[in-house]
Amino acid sequence: MQANEKQPSRMHQTVNDLVLAEMFLLQATIESVTAIGDGLSELMSADSRPPLKSLLQRTRDEALEPYSTRYKYFRKLIKRQDKD
């Protein structure tokens, strides 16, 4: 009977993990789109702007950072839950 009791709990945890991962993905996507939009705005601005290469590199880094940060954080949460 213990196997049956653990199964719903495991299923529940898996669904919770999936929902959390989707929330992190959504947050990262919003931040990434914002970084790309900021880069495009800076590119189109008539004011002094950095060289194109450095602008593109910075925009790339700013667009990727939210994904890598949230992925690392999510992995830490999962590892911590697995220990419990």
PDB file of N, CA and C in Angstrom:
ATOM      1  N   MET A   1       0.811  -1.186   0.000  1.00  0.00           N
ATOM      2  CA  MET A   1       0.000   0.000   0.000  1.00  0.00           C
ATOM      3  C   MET A   1       0.865   1.266   0.000  1.00  0.00           C
ATOM      4  N   GLN A   2       2.081   1.183   0.501  1.00  0.00           N
ATOM      5  CA  GLN A   2       2.953   2.349   0.501  1.00  0.00           C
ATOM      6  C   GLN A   2       3.313   2.780  -0.913  1.00  0.00           C
ATOM      7  N   ALA A   3       3.464   1.831  -1.809  1.00  0.00           N
ATOM      8  CA  ALA A   3       3.777   2.185  -3.189  1.00  0.00           C
ATOM      9  C   ALA A   3       2.659   3.028  -3.793  1.00  0.00           C
ATOM     10  N   ASN A   4       1.411   2.678  -3.478  1.00  0.00           N
ATOM     11  CA  ASN A   4       0.283   3.454  -3.983  1.00  0.00           C
ATOM     12  C   ASN A   4       0.230   4.844  -3.368  1.00  0.00           C
ATOM     13  N   GLU A   5       0.654   4.964  -2.114  1.00  0.00           N
ATOM     14  CA  GLU A   5       0.653   6.273  -1.452  1.00  0.00           C
ATOM     15  C   GLU A   5       1.751   7.169  -2.012  1.00  0.00           C
ATOM     16  N   LYS A   6       2.879   6.600  -2.387  1.00  0.00           N
ATOM     17  CA  LYS A   6       3.980   7.402  -2.919  1.00  0.00           C
ATOM     18  C   LYS A   6       3.717   7.854  -4.345  1.00  0.00           C
ATOM     19  N   GLN A   7       3.004   7.063  -5.125  1.00  0.00           N
ATOM     20  CA  GLN A   7       2.771   7.388  -6.531  1.00  0.00           C
ATOM     21  C   GLN A   7       2.068   8.739  -6.712  1.00  0.00           C
ATOM     22  N   PRO A   8       0.942   9.012  -6.050  1.00  0.00           N
ATOM     23  CA  PRO A   8       0.322  10.331  -6.223  1.00  0.00           C
ATOM     24  C   PRO A   8       1.242  11.462  -5.764  1.00  0.00           C
ATOM     25  N   SER A   9       1.988  11.235  -4.712  1.00  0.00           N
ATOM     26  CA  SER A   9       2.910  12.249  -4.226  1.00  0.00           C
ATOM     27  C   SER A   9       3.993  12.533  -5.270  1.00  0.00           C
ATOM     28  N   ARG A  10       4.506  11.489  -5.883  1.00  0.00           N
ATOM     29  CA  ARG A  10       5.523  11.653  -6.915  1.00  0.00           C
ATOM     30  C   ARG A  10       4.936  12.362  -8.129  1.00  0.00           C
ATOM     31  N   MET A  11       3.734  11.985  -8.515  1.00  0.00           N
ATOM     32  CA  MET A  11       3.063  12.624  -9.640  1.00  0.00           C
ATOM     33  C   MET A  11       2.812  14.099  -9.325  1.00  0.00           C
ATOM     34  N   HIS A  12       2.361  14.371  -8.122  1.00  0.00           N
ATOM     35  CA  HIS A  12       2.110  15.745  -7.685  1.00  0.00           C
ATOM     36  C   HIS A  12       3.398  16.570  -7.752  1.00  0.00           C
ATOM     37  N   GLN A  13       4.497  16.010  -7.284  1.00  0.00           N
ATOM     38  CA  GLN A  13       5.781  16.712  -7.304  1.00  0.00           C
ATOM     39  C   GLN A  13       6.242  16.968  -8.736  1.00  0.00           C
ATOM     40  N   THR A  14       6.041  16.011  -9.607  1.00  0.00           N
ATOM     41  CA  THR A  14       6.429  16.179 -11.004  1.00  0.00           C
ATOM     42  C   THR A  14       5.642  17.301 -11.664  1.00  0.00           C
ATOM     43  N   VAL A  15       4.350  17.353 -11.408  1.00  0.00           N
ATOM     44  CA  VAL A  15       3.516  18.424 -11.960  1.00  0.00           C
ATOM     45  C   VAL A  15       3.950  19.772 -11.379  1.00  0.00           C
ATOM     46  N   ASN A  16       4.221  19.815 -10.086  1.00  0.00           N
ATOM     47  CA  ASN A  16       4.705  21.063  -9.478  1.00  0.00           C
ATOM     48  C   ASN A  16       6.011  21.520 -10.105  1.00  0.00           C
ATOM     49  N   ASP A  17       6.922  20.581 -10.343  1.00  0.00           N
ATOM     50  CA  ASP A  17       8.202  20.916 -10.974  1.00  0.00           C
ATOM     51  C   ASP A  17       7.993  21.460 -12.386  1.00  0.00           C
ATOM     52  N   LEU A  18       7.083  20.856 -13.111  1.00  0.00           N
ATOM     53  CA  LEU A  18       6.798  21.307 -14.470  1.00  0.00           C
ATOM     54  C   LEU A  18       6.216  22.719 -14.463  1.00  0.00           C
ATOM     55  N   VAL A  19       5.291  22.983 -13.567  1.00  0.00           N
ATOM     56  CA  VAL A  19       4.690  24.314 -13.479  1.00  0.00           C
ATOM     57  C   VAL A  19       5.753  25.349 -13.099  1.00  0.00           C
ATOM     58  N   LEU A  20       6.597  25.000 -12.149  1.00  0.00           N
ATOM     59  CA  LEU A  20       7.658  25.913 -11.740  1.00  0.00           C
ATOM     60  C   LEU A  20       8.617  26.188 -12.892  1.00  0.00           C
ATOM     61  N   ALA A  21       8.986  25.154 -13.626  1.00  0.00           N
ATOM     62  CA  ALA A  21       9.883  25.323 -14.774  1.00  0.00           C
ATOM     63  C   ALA A  21       9.250  26.229 -15.825  1.00  0.00           C
ATOM     64  N   GLU A  22       7.960  26.044 -16.076  1.00  0.00           N
ATOM     65  CA  GLU A  22       7.264  26.888 -17.049  1.00  0.00           C
ATOM     66  C   GLU A  22       7.217  28.343 -16.583  1.00  0.00           C
ATOM     67  N   MET A  23       7.025  28.559 -15.302  1.00  0.00           N
ATOM     68  CA  MET A  23       7.017  29.933 -14.780  1.00  0.00           C
ATOM     69  C   MET A  23       8.389  30.581 -14.939  1.00  0.00           C
ATOM     70  N   PHE A  24       9.439  29.822 -14.641  1.00  0.00           N
ATOM     71  CA  PHE A  24      10.797  30.341 -14.831  1.00  0.00           C
ATOM     72  C   PHE A  24      11.057  30.661 -16.302  1.00  0.00           C
ATOM     73  N   LEU A  25      10.593  29.770 -17.178  1.00  0.00           N
ATOM     74  CA  LEU A  25      10.776  29.995 -18.614  1.00  0.00           C
ATOM     75  C   LEU A  25      10.058  31.261 -19.061  1.00  0.00           C
ATOM     76  N   LEU A  26       8.844  31.450 -18.593  1.00  0.00           N
ATOM     77  CA  LEU A  26       8.089  32.643 -18.960  1.00  0.00           C
ATOM     78  C   LEU A  26       8.788  33.911 -18.462  1.00  0.00           C
ATOM     79  N   GLN A  27       9.245  33.900 -17.218  1.00  0.00           N
ATOM     80  CA  GLN A  27       9.959  35.064 -16.677  1.00  0.00           C
ATOM     81  C   GLN A  27      11.228  35.343 -17.480  1.00  0.00           C
ATOM     82  N   ALA A  28      11.975  34.302 -17.795  1.00  0.00           N
ATOM     83  CA  ALA A  28      13.215  34.471 -18.546  1.00  0.00           C
ATOM     84  C   ALA A  28      12.926  35.000 -19.945  1.00  0.00           C
ATOM     85  N   THR A  29      11.869  34.518 -20.566  1.00  0.00           N
ATOM     86  CA  THR A  29      11.514  34.976 -21.902  1.00  0.00           C
ATOM     87  C   THR A  29      11.144  36.455 -21.899  1.00  0.00           C
ATOM     88  N   ILE A  30      10.398  36.870 -20.899  1.00  0.00           N
ATOM     89  CA  ILE A  30      10.031  38.288 -20.797  1.00  0.00           C
ATOM     90  C   ILE A  30      11.285  39.149 -20.634  1.00  0.00           C
ATOM     91  N   GLU A  31      12.186  38.735 -19.758  1.00  0.00           N
ATOM     92  CA  GLU A  31      13.422  39.504 -19.568  1.00  0.00           C
ATOM     93  C   GLU A  31      14.278  39.501 -20.825  1.00  0.00           C
ATOM     94  N   SER A  32      14.325  38.378 -21.511  1.00  0.00           N
ATOM     95  CA  SER A  32      15.118  38.268 -22.728  1.00  0.00           C
ATOM     96  C   SER A  32      14.567  39.173 -23.829  1.00  0.00           C
ATOM     97  N   VAL A  33      13.260  39.163 -23.996  1.00  0.00           N
ATOM     98  CA  VAL A  33      12.632  40.026 -25.002  1.00  0.00           C
ATOM     99  C   VAL A  33      12.878  41.494 -24.661  1.00  0.00           C
ATOM    100  N   THR A  34      12.837  41.825 -23.394  1.00  0.00           N
ATOM    101  CA  THR A  34      13.119  43.195 -22.967  1.00  0.00           C
ATOM    102  C   THR A  34      14.551  43.583 -23.329  1.00  0.00           C
ATOM    103  N   ALA A  35      15.505  42.684 -23.080  1.00  0.00           N
ATOM    104  CA  ALA A  35      16.905  42.965 -23.411  1.00  0.00           C
ATOM    105  C   ALA A  35      17.088  43.147 -24.915  1.00  0.00           C
ATOM    106  N   ILE A  36      16.423  42.320 -25.702  1.00  0.00           N
ATOM    107  CA  ILE A  36      16.518  42.455 -27.164  1.00  0.00           C
ATOM    108  C   ILE A  36      15.878  43.767 -27.610  1.00  0.00           C
ATOM    109  N   GLY A  37      14.733  44.092 -27.031  1.00  0.00           N
ATOM    110  CA  GLY A  37      14.080  45.364 -27.363  1.00  0.00           C
ATOM    111  C   GLY A  37      14.946  46.564 -27.006  1.00  0.00           C
ATOM    112  N   ASP A  38      15.583  46.506 -25.848  1.00  0.00           N
ATOM    113  CA  ASP A  38      16.490  47.591 -25.448  1.00  0.00           C
ATOM    114  C   ASP A  38      17.659  47.710 -26.427  1.00  0.00           C
ATOM    115  N   GLY A  39      18.193  46.557 -26.833  1.00  0.00           N
ATOM    116  CA  GLY A  39      19.298  46.569 -27.803  1.00  0.00           C
ATOM    117  C   GLY A  39      18.874  47.166 -29.136  1.00  0.00           C
ATOM    118  N   LEU A  40      17.688  46.797 -29.598  1.00  0.00           N
ATOM    119  CA  LEU A  40      17.180  47.360 -30.858  1.00  0.00           C
ATOM    120  C   LEU A  40      16.943  48.861 -30.737  1.00  0.00           C
ATOM    121  N   SER A  41      16.409  49.283 -29.607  1.00  0.00           N
ATOM    122  CA  SER A  41      16.187  50.716 -29.390  1.00  0.00           C
ATOM    123  C   SER A  41      17.502  51.479 -29.418  1.00  0.00           C
ATOM    124  N   GLU A  42      18.498  50.896 -28.771  1.00  0.00           N
ATOM    125  CA  GLU A  42      19.807  51.549 -28.768  1.00  0.00           C
ATOM    126  C   GLU A  42      20.411  51.570 -30.170  1.00  0.00           C
ATOM    127  N   LEU A  43      20.196  50.509 -30.907  1.00  0.00           N
ATOM    128  CA  LEU A  43      20.705  50.431 -32.275  1.00  0.00           C
ATOM    129  C   LEU A  43      20.061  51.493 -33.161  1.00  0.00           C
ATOM    130  N   MET A  44      18.781  51.727 -32.966  1.00  0.00           N
ATOM    131  CA  MET A  44      18.050  52.684 -33.789  1.00  0.00           C
ATOM    132  C   MET A  44      18.195  54.131 -33.311  1.00  0.00           C
ATOM    133  N   SER A  45      18.733  54.316 -32.125  1.00  0.00           N
ATOM    134  CA  SER A  45      18.825  55.674 -31.593  1.00  0.00           C
ATOM    135  C   SER A  45      19.848  56.486 -32.383  1.00  0.00           C
ATOM    136  N   ALA A  46      19.534  57.754 -32.550  1.00  0.00           N
ATOM    137  CA  ALA A  46      20.422  58.654 -33.286  1.00  0.00           C
ATOM    138  C   ALA A  46      21.552  59.157 -32.403  1.00  0.00           C
ATOM    139  N   ASP A  47      21.421  58.967 -31.091  1.00  0.00           N
ATOM    140  CA  ASP A  47      22.457  59.414 -30.172  1.00  0.00           C
ATOM    141  C   ASP A  47      23.705  58.556 -30.352  1.00  0.00           C
ATOM    142  N   SER A  48      24.742  58.954 -29.659  1.00  0.00           N
ATOM    143  CA  SER A  48      25.973  58.163 -29.771  1.00  0.00           C
ATOM    144  C   SER A  48      25.709  56.764 -29.226  1.00  0.00           C
ATOM    145  N   ARG A  49      26.158  55.779 -29.933  1.00  0.00           N
ATOM    146  CA  ARG A  49      25.949  54.388 -29.531  1.00  0.00           C
ATOM    147  C   ARG A  49      27.270  53.649 -29.628  1.00  0.00           C
ATOM    148  N   PRO A  50      27.392  52.552 -28.912  1.00  0.00           N
ATOM    149  CA  PRO A  50      28.639  51.797 -28.978  1.00  0.00           C
ATOM    150  C   PRO A  50      28.797  51.145 -30.352  1.00  0.00           C
ATOM    151  N   PRO A  51      29.990  50.668 -30.650  1.00  0.00           N
ATOM    152  CA  PRO A  51      30.189  49.962 -31.930  1.00  0.00           C
ATOM    153  C   PRO A  51      29.200  48.795 -32.041  1.00  0.00           C
ATOM    154  N   LEU A  52      28.797  48.503 -33.250  1.00  0.00           N
ATOM    155  CA  LEU A  52      27.790  47.478 -33.503  1.00  0.00           C
ATOM    156  C   LEU A  52      28.163  46.138 -32.881  1.00  0.00           C
ATOM    157  N   LYS A  53      29.414  45.735 -33.019  1.00  0.00           N
ATOM    158  CA  LYS A  53      29.846  44.440 -32.487  1.00  0.00           C
ATOM    159  C   LYS A  53      29.631  44.375 -30.976  1.00  0.00           C
ATOM    160  N   SER A  54      30.032  45.386 -30.247  1.00  0.00           N
ATOM    161  CA  SER A  54      29.881  45.360 -28.784  1.00  0.00           C
ATOM    162  C   SER A  54      28.412  45.458 -28.383  1.00  0.00           C
ATOM    163  N   LEU A  55      27.613  46.206 -29.144  1.00  0.00           N
ATOM    164  CA  LEU A  55      26.185  46.298 -28.865  1.00  0.00           C
ATOM    165  C   LEU A  55      25.517  44.934 -29.041  1.00  0.00           C
ATOM    166  N   LEU A  56      25.858  44.238 -30.115  1.00  0.00           N
ATOM    167  CA  LEU A  56      25.276  42.916 -30.359  1.00  0.00           C
ATOM    168  C   LEU A  56      25.724  41.899 -29.309  1.00  0.00           C
ATOM    169  N   GLN A  57      26.992  41.951 -28.934  1.00  0.00           N
ATOM    170  CA  GLN A  57      27.490  41.030 -27.907  1.00  0.00           C
ATOM    171  C   GLN A  57      26.810  41.277 -26.559  1.00  0.00           C
ATOM    172  N   ARG A  58      26.691  42.541 -26.192  1.00  0.00           N
ATOM    173  CA  ARG A  58      26.038  42.865 -24.922  1.00  0.00           C
ATOM    174  C   ARG A  58      24.563  42.443 -24.945  1.00  0.00           C
ATOM    175  N   THR A  59      23.890  42.698 -26.045  1.00  0.00           N
ATOM    176  CA  THR A  59      22.481  42.302 -26.166  1.00  0.00           C
ATOM    177  C   THR A  59      22.349  40.787 -26.080  1.00  0.00           C
ATOM    178  N   ARG A  60      23.243  40.067 -26.737  1.00  0.00           N
ATOM    179  CA  ARG A  60      23.231  38.597 -26.668  1.00  0.00           C
ATOM    180  C   ARG A  60      23.402  38.129 -25.236  1.00  0.00           C
ATOM    181  N   ASP A  61      24.378  38.686 -24.548  1.00  0.00           N
ATOM    182  CA  ASP A  61      24.633  38.290 -23.161  1.00  0.00           C
ATOM    183  C   ASP A  61      23.435  38.598 -22.264  1.00  0.00           C
ATOM    184  N   GLU A  62      22.852  39.767 -22.438  1.00  0.00           N
ATOM    185  CA  GLU A  62      21.700  40.157 -21.627  1.00  0.00           C
ATOM    186  C   GLU A  62      20.460  39.316 -21.953  1.00  0.00           C
ATOM    187  N   ALA A  63      20.350  38.858 -23.192  1.00  0.00           N
ATOM    188  CA  ALA A  63      19.204  38.026 -23.583  1.00  0.00           C
ATOM    189  C   ALA A  63      19.356  36.594 -23.076  1.00  0.00           C
ATOM    190  N   LEU A  64      20.576  36.093 -22.971  1.00  0.00           N
ATOM    191  CA  LEU A  64      20.808  34.721 -22.517  1.00  0.00           C
ATOM    192  C   LEU A  64      20.840  34.587 -21.002  1.00  0.00           C
ATOM    193  N   GLU A  65      21.258  35.610 -20.322  1.00  0.00           N
ATOM    194  CA  GLU A  65      21.448  35.549 -18.870  1.00  0.00           C
ATOM    195  C   GLU A  65      20.207  35.093 -18.110  1.00  0.00           C
ATOM    196  N   PRO A  66      19.014  35.607 -18.395  1.00  0.00           N
ATOM    197  CA  PRO A  66      17.851  35.162 -17.617  1.00  0.00           C
ATOM    198  C   PRO A  66      17.613  33.653 -17.695  1.00  0.00           C
ATOM    199  N   TYR A  67      17.882  33.056 -18.857  1.00  0.00           N
ATOM    200  CA  TYR A  67      17.680  31.612 -19.002  1.00  0.00           C
ATOM    201  C   TYR A  67      18.686  30.833 -18.169  1.00  0.00           C
ATOM    202  N   SER A  68      19.957  31.217 -18.258  1.00  0.00           N
ATOM    203  CA  SER A  68      20.981  30.472 -17.520  1.00  0.00           C
ATOM    204  C   SER A  68      20.810  30.625 -16.011  1.00  0.00           C
ATOM    205  N   THR A  69      20.480  31.825 -15.555  1.00  0.00           N
ATOM    206  CA  THR A  69      20.281  32.049 -14.125  1.00  0.00           C
ATOM    207  C   THR A  69      19.104  31.234 -13.600  1.00  0.00           C
ATOM    208  N   ARG A  70      17.995  31.277 -14.299  1.00  0.00           N
ATOM    209  CA  ARG A  70      16.819  30.543 -13.827  1.00  0.00           C
ATOM    210  C   ARG A  70      17.005  29.034 -13.923  1.00  0.00           C
ATOM    211  N   TYR A  71      17.732  28.581 -14.939  1.00  0.00           N
ATOM    212  CA  TYR A  71      17.991  27.148 -15.052  1.00  0.00           C
ATOM    213  C   TYR A  71      18.830  26.663 -13.873  1.00  0.00           C
ATOM    214  N   LYS A  72      19.869  27.407 -13.538  1.00  0.00           N
ATOM    215  CA  LYS A  72      20.713  27.031 -12.388  1.00  0.00           C
ATOM    216  C   LYS A  72      19.899  27.029 -11.100  1.00  0.00           C
ATOM    217  N   TYR A  73      19.080  28.040 -10.924  1.00  0.00           N
ATOM    218  CA  TYR A  73      18.251  28.120  -9.725  1.00  0.00           C
ATOM    219  C   TYR A  73      17.268  26.954  -9.664  1.00  0.00           C
ATOM    220  N   PHE A  74      16.640  26.630 -10.784  1.00  0.00           N
ATOM    221  CA  PHE A  74      15.689  25.523 -10.846  1.00  0.00           C
ATOM    222  C   PHE A  74      16.380  24.200 -10.514  1.00  0.00           C
ATOM    223  N   ARG A  75      17.570  23.985 -11.049  1.00  0.00           N
ATOM    224  CA  ARG A  75      18.313  22.749 -10.765  1.00  0.00           C
ATOM    225  C   ARG A  75      18.633  22.648  -9.273  1.00  0.00           C
ATOM    226  N   LYS A  76      18.987  23.763  -8.649  1.00  0.00           N
ATOM    227  CA  LYS A  76      19.251  23.753  -7.208  1.00  0.00           C
ATOM    228  C   LYS A  76      17.998  23.384  -6.429  1.00  0.00           C
ATOM    229  N   LEU A  77      16.863  23.925  -6.828  1.00  0.00           N
ATOM    230  CA  LEU A  77      15.601  23.597  -6.155  1.00  0.00           C
ATOM    231  C   LEU A  77      15.283  22.112  -6.280  1.00  0.00           C
ATOM    232  N   ILE A  78      15.470  21.566  -7.459  1.00  0.00           N
ATOM    233  CA  ILE A  78      15.176  20.151  -7.691  1.00  0.00           C
ATOM    234  C   ILE A  78      16.107  19.281  -6.860  1.00  0.00           C
ATOM    235  N   LYS A  79      17.374  19.614  -6.823  1.00  0.00           N
ATOM    236  CA  LYS A  79      18.333  18.836  -6.022  1.00  0.00           C
ATOM    237  C   LYS A  79      17.968  18.883  -4.549  1.00  0.00           C
ATOM    238  N   ARG A  80      17.574  20.061  -4.079  1.00  0.00           N
ATOM    239  CA  ARG A  80      17.191  20.215  -2.675  1.00  0.00           C
ATOM    240  C   ARG A  80      15.947  19.381  -2.373  1.00  0.00           C
ATOM    241  N   GLN A  81      14.995  19.370  -3.275  1.00  0.00           N
ATOM    242  CA  GLN A  81      13.775  18.574  -3.080  1.00  0.00           C
ATOM    243  C   GLN A  81      14.082  17.087  -3.099  1.00  0.00           C
ATOM    244  N   ASP A  82      15.011  16.679  -3.949  1.00  0.00           N
ATOM    245  CA  ASP A  82      15.371  15.252  -4.023  1.00  0.00           C
ATOM    246  C   ASP A  82      16.015  14.777  -2.721  1.00  0.00           C
ATOM    247  N   LYS A  83      16.697  15.678  -2.026  1.00  0.00           N
ATOM    248  CA  LYS A  83      17.337  15.305  -0.757  1.00  0.00           C
ATOM    249  C   LYS A  83      16.319  15.125   0.347  1.00  0.00           C
ATOM    250  N   ASP A  84      15.209  15.853   0.248  1.00  0.00           N
ATOM    251  CA  ASP A  84      14.170  15.780   1.306  1.00  0.00           C
ATOM    252  C   ASP A  84      13.401  14.506   1.286  1.00  0.00           C
TER     253      ASP A  84
END
